[in-house]
Amino acid sequence: MTEPTEPPSDAPSHHQISRGVAWTGAAQAIIAIADLISQMLVIALWVPPEDYGVAMYAYAWFSLLDTAADMGVASALIQKDDHDEAKLSTVFWFNLLVSSGMFVVLCGVGPLYAWFIDRPVVGWMLIAYGGKLLIQNGYSIPLALLRKHLRFDEVAKIRTAAHLSESCGRIVFAAIGWTRWCFILAAMLRALVFAAVMQIRHPFRPRAIFRPREIKDYVRFGLRSAASGMLYQLYTNLDYTVVGKFFGAKALGIYHLAYSIVLEPVRTITNVVSEVAFPTFARLRYDKARVVDQLIRFTRLNLVAVLPFLIVLWLIIPDLLILFASGGDWKPDQLAMVAACVRVLCFVGVLRPLGFLGPPLLDGMGFPGRTLRYMVFTAIAMPLAYILGAVALTSHGPVAVAIAWSVGYPFAFLWLGYLVSRTVHLPLGRYGRAAGGILACAAAGWTAGYGLSWILPDTMPILRASAIGGTAFVVLAATLAIWQDITPRSIRAAMKG
């Protein structure tokens, strides 16, 4: 594909971008806190490791199914500028056909997968989720249009309402005894609320028009984008299957709890920027200098948001688990294994904030094929790493797959970095300085907290966790302010544009 050469017509200002980050950040913070609280409550009070592991056999594939049902055509609405009412209606009917086909496929594949893992209930869970794929057509088109026009305030409000309903639903379903189904039913409730609120606030009524030839460019772009998304979901979910197959349902529950504590919050936090990144890069794609500047800004924002969380989490996770999960069905040795997985996955978490920016940049610049190349490489390398880790480190249980993550992902990250650098001629020295200073500040915070952990006794976990985590955070914040000039005041000023 040749590089785009047309001049920009309505490139967004820093104020628009900062406003989008602010609204998305506020929504993601509320969503992350509500999700964490609801997950910890249901795990601590109602859902035992066995039931949690069984639910995760199905839950792990939901994001992949969401991506496959959309086929990336809605993303093409964001990247392209030539849509009209006829094309919007055609995209809607195309997505409805695809999601209907996915439902039919799940009716056959779901039971086969359940037979493979010897968990019949998982097949019914996957079939039920096929209904959710049909529901999401109620909001996919208006959501894409809102994102295209950088109306992230509206997106944030609707998304927050939908996700809060999911968190509340998860608690209610678990409390009434549906311990295996609470995660699936809560996700379906989120889709229903999302579609209902979206149609009330921004109704979309498709016309009886279906002209597939007019959206062939959308489909071509969407297929490459969707293929990349599906491969991403594949390699980030196959680890669950490997853990379950090699070590059993309880081990899968342990592993997924650790994953949910580390990499899910990292994805949620970085989604603040990633949500804004794709439409922003799409609007800036004709001005590579601004793209590079914005990439560096986004990178620093992601690192400042994620590193304090990872540093504090690595230091206090054993005490945190004792506080919140030791009173239920989770045994001390299981919690110790969760803590070990969390600490290993924290190393992956350091690279994920940077890795999440590469695909939106490549897609936004009009090179979804390069994103696809990265995803193909990663989708082959990472599952191989999971299997090799499980075989070579069997005695470590699910920790073996966490180690495989931390060893394999840096290679995928280097390949993505090469593709991004080639696309925008990224000045690596400037980029390294922008990120390196923040990483050094994080190292200082970790050193202070780790040193204190050797001094404090193991009793009274709440005081120990507060002291260690607080010390690490204060040192990190102080070094960021002194060395990087990153303070609450400078962040507020940047958000105001």
Foldseek 3Di string as FASTA:
>chain_A
DDFDADDFDCADDLLLLLQLLVLLQVLLVLLLVLQVVLVLVLQQPFADLLLLLLLLLQVLCLQLLLLQLLLQLLVLVLLDDDDDQQNLLQSLVVSLVRLVVSLVVLLPVLCVSCVVLVHRVRSVLSNVCSVLSNLLSLASNVVSVCLSVSVNNVVSVLLSVLSSQLSVQLNVCRVVPVNNCSNSVSSSSSSNSSSVVCCVVPNDDRDPHHDVVVCPVSSVLSNLLSLLSSLVSLLVRVLLVLLCVLPNSSLSSLLVVLCCLAVVSLCSNLCSNLSNQQSNLSSCLNPLVVNLVVLLVSLLSSLVRRLLSLLLCLLQQLLVCVVRHPVHNQDNVSSVLSSLLNNLLSLVSNLVSNVSNLCSNCVSSPRSVLSSVLSVVSSVQSVVLSNVQCVVPVVSRSSSSSNSSNVRVVVSSVSSVVSSCVSSVHPVVVSCVSNVQLVVLSVQLSVQLVVVLVVDDPPDSVVNSCVSSVSSSVSSQVSCCPPVVDDPVVSVVSSSD
